[in-house]
Amino acid sequence: MREFIKVMKALSDPNRVKVIKLLQRRVLCVCEIQAALGLAQSSVSKHLKILEEAGLIRFSKDGLWVNYQLADGAKNPYAASLLGSLRHWLEEDPEVVQLMERLPEIHRDTICGR
């Protein structure tokens, strides 16, 4: 039950759900997620850590970049199930629609200047 509760708590925050919806579209770095959500870097990092610990996302390093993407669900079967469902849920939600409309304009090169 502990793993189930961890996933449910991770998805109990609207910003973390938005992160999942963003990562359904493409791999993102912290600065891109920060720009999309309009949150401080420290807040985004805390949200990402909670999502990662729940088995919902994973990260990989590419030089100086840390790239975040959806997990494959191997770490937590509850995470896998909810990630599958979230692909279809909230697609018509106004906040999600607006977020997805802004995403094509958000690129790490222009945000971070690297």
Protein backbone atom coordinates (compact mmCIF):
# COMPACT_ATOMS: atom_id res chain seq x y z
CA MET A 1 0.00 0.00 0.00
CA ARG A 2 2.94 2.34 0.64
CA GLU A 3 3.80 2.59 -3.08
CA PHE A 4 0.18 3.29 -4.00
CA ILE A 5 -0.05 6.12 -1.45
CA LYS A 6 3.24 7.58 -2.66
CA VAL A 7 1.91 7.82 -6.23
CA MET A 8 -1.41 9.26 -5.14
CA LYS A 9 0.27 11.89 -2.96
CA ALA A 10 2.62 12.80 -5.81
CA LEU A 11 -0.36 13.41 -8.09
CA SER A 12 -2.32 15.36 -5.47
CA ASP A 13 -0.67 18.65 -6.46
CA PRO A 14 -1.89 20.47 -9.60
CA ASN A 15 1.64 21.59 -10.55
CA ARG A 16 2.92 18.01 -10.44
CA VAL A 17 0.05 16.89 -12.66
CA LYS A 18 0.99 19.68 -15.06
CA VAL A 19 4.60 18.45 -15.07
CA ILE A 20 3.36 14.99 -16.06
CA LYS A 21 1.24 16.49 -18.84
CA LEU A 22 4.26 18.47 -20.10
CA LEU A 23 6.50 15.41 -20.08
CA GLN A 24 3.92 13.51 -22.12
CA ARG A 25 4.86 15.85 -24.96
CA ARG A 26 8.66 15.85 -24.72
CA VAL A 27 11.75 15.55 -22.56
CA LEU A 28 12.34 18.76 -20.59
CA CYS A 29 14.95 20.30 -18.33
CA VAL A 30 14.22 22.16 -15.09
CA CYS A 31 14.47 25.59 -16.70
CA GLU A 32 11.90 24.64 -19.37
CA ILE A 33 9.48 23.30 -16.75
CA GLN A 34 10.09 26.42 -14.67
CA ALA A 35 9.29 28.66 -17.65
CA ALA A 36 6.16 26.68 -18.54
CA LEU A 37 4.72 26.73 -15.02
CA GLY A 38 6.00 30.13 -13.90
CA LEU A 39 7.46 28.67 -10.70
CA ALA A 40 10.76 29.18 -8.91
CA GLN A 41 13.54 26.72 -9.69
CA SER A 42 13.52 25.41 -6.12
CA SER A 43 9.79 24.66 -6.31
CA VAL A 44 10.17 22.84 -9.62
CA SER A 45 13.05 20.80 -8.24
CA LYS A 46 10.98 19.77 -5.20
CA HIS A 47 8.08 18.72 -7.43
CA LEU A 48 10.42 16.72 -9.67
CA LYS A 49 11.95 14.92 -6.70
CA ILE A 50 8.52 13.88 -5.41
CA LEU A 51 7.49 12.64 -8.87
CA GLU A 52 10.76 10.75 -9.28
CA GLU A 53 10.50 9.09 -5.86
CA ALA A 54 6.97 7.94 -6.75
CA GLY A 55 8.27 6.30 -9.92
CA LEU A 56 6.39 8.64 -12.25
CA ILE A 57 9.37 10.31 -13.90
CA ARG A 58 13.06 9.65 -14.38
CA PHE A 59 16.03 11.76 -15.29
CA SER A 60 19.23 11.41 -17.24
CA LYS A 61 22.26 13.63 -17.45
CA ASP A 62 23.59 14.97 -20.74
CA GLY A 63 26.66 17.05 -19.99
CA LEU A 64 25.44 19.98 -17.92
CA TRP A 65 21.79 19.24 -18.69
CA VAL A 66 19.50 17.09 -16.56
CA ASN A 67 16.68 15.81 -18.74
CA TYR A 68 13.36 14.68 -17.28
CA GLN A 69 10.96 12.28 -18.91
CA LEU A 70 8.11 9.98 -17.95
CA ALA A 71 9.14 6.75 -16.28
CA ASP A 72 8.42 3.43 -17.92
CA GLY A 73 6.51 2.23 -14.87
CA ALA A 74 8.93 -0.56 -14.00
CA LYS A 75 9.64 0.92 -10.57
CA ASN A 76 6.01 1.13 -9.48
CA PRO A 77 3.01 -0.64 -11.09
CA TYR A 78 0.63 1.99 -9.71
CA ALA A 79 2.67 4.70 -11.39
CA ALA A 80 2.52 2.79 -14.66
CA SER A 81 -1.25 2.47 -14.47
CA LEU A 82 -1.83 6.13 -13.65
CA LEU A 83 0.61 7.34 -16.30
CA GLY A 84 -1.35 5.33 -18.85
CA SER A 85 -4.62 6.87 -17.73
CA LEU A 86 -3.21 10.40 -17.52
CA ARG A 87 -2.39 10.23 -21.23
CA HIS A 88 -6.13 10.59 -21.85
CA TRP A 89 -7.24 12.55 -18.81
CA LEU A 90 -7.36 16.36 -18.63
CA GLU A 91 -6.65 16.92 -22.32
CA GLU A 92 -9.59 19.34 -22.49
CA ASP A 93 -8.85 21.10 -19.19
CA PRO A 94 -8.37 24.84 -19.89
CA GLU A 95 -5.15 25.06 -17.85
CA VAL A 96 -3.65 22.06 -19.62
CA VAL A 97 -4.72 23.34 -23.03
CA GLN A 98 -3.09 26.72 -22.32
CA LEU A 99 0.07 25.03 -21.08
CA MET A 100 0.32 22.89 -24.21
CA GLU A 101 -0.17 25.94 -26.42
CA ARG A 102 2.84 27.65 -24.75
CA LEU A 103 5.11 24.61 -24.81
CA PRO A 104 6.34 24.93 -28.43
CA GLU A 105 7.74 28.38 -27.59
CA ILE A 106 9.76 27.11 -24.63
CA HIS A 107 13.33 26.02 -25.42
CA ARG A 108 16.26 25.64 -23.08
CA ASP A 109 18.66 27.43 -25.42
CA THR A 110 16.69 30.66 -25.28
CA ILE A 111 15.87 30.37 -21.56
CA CYS A 112 19.27 29.40 -20.21
CA GLY A 113 21.41 30.80 -23.01
CA ARG A 114 23.70 27.78 -23.15
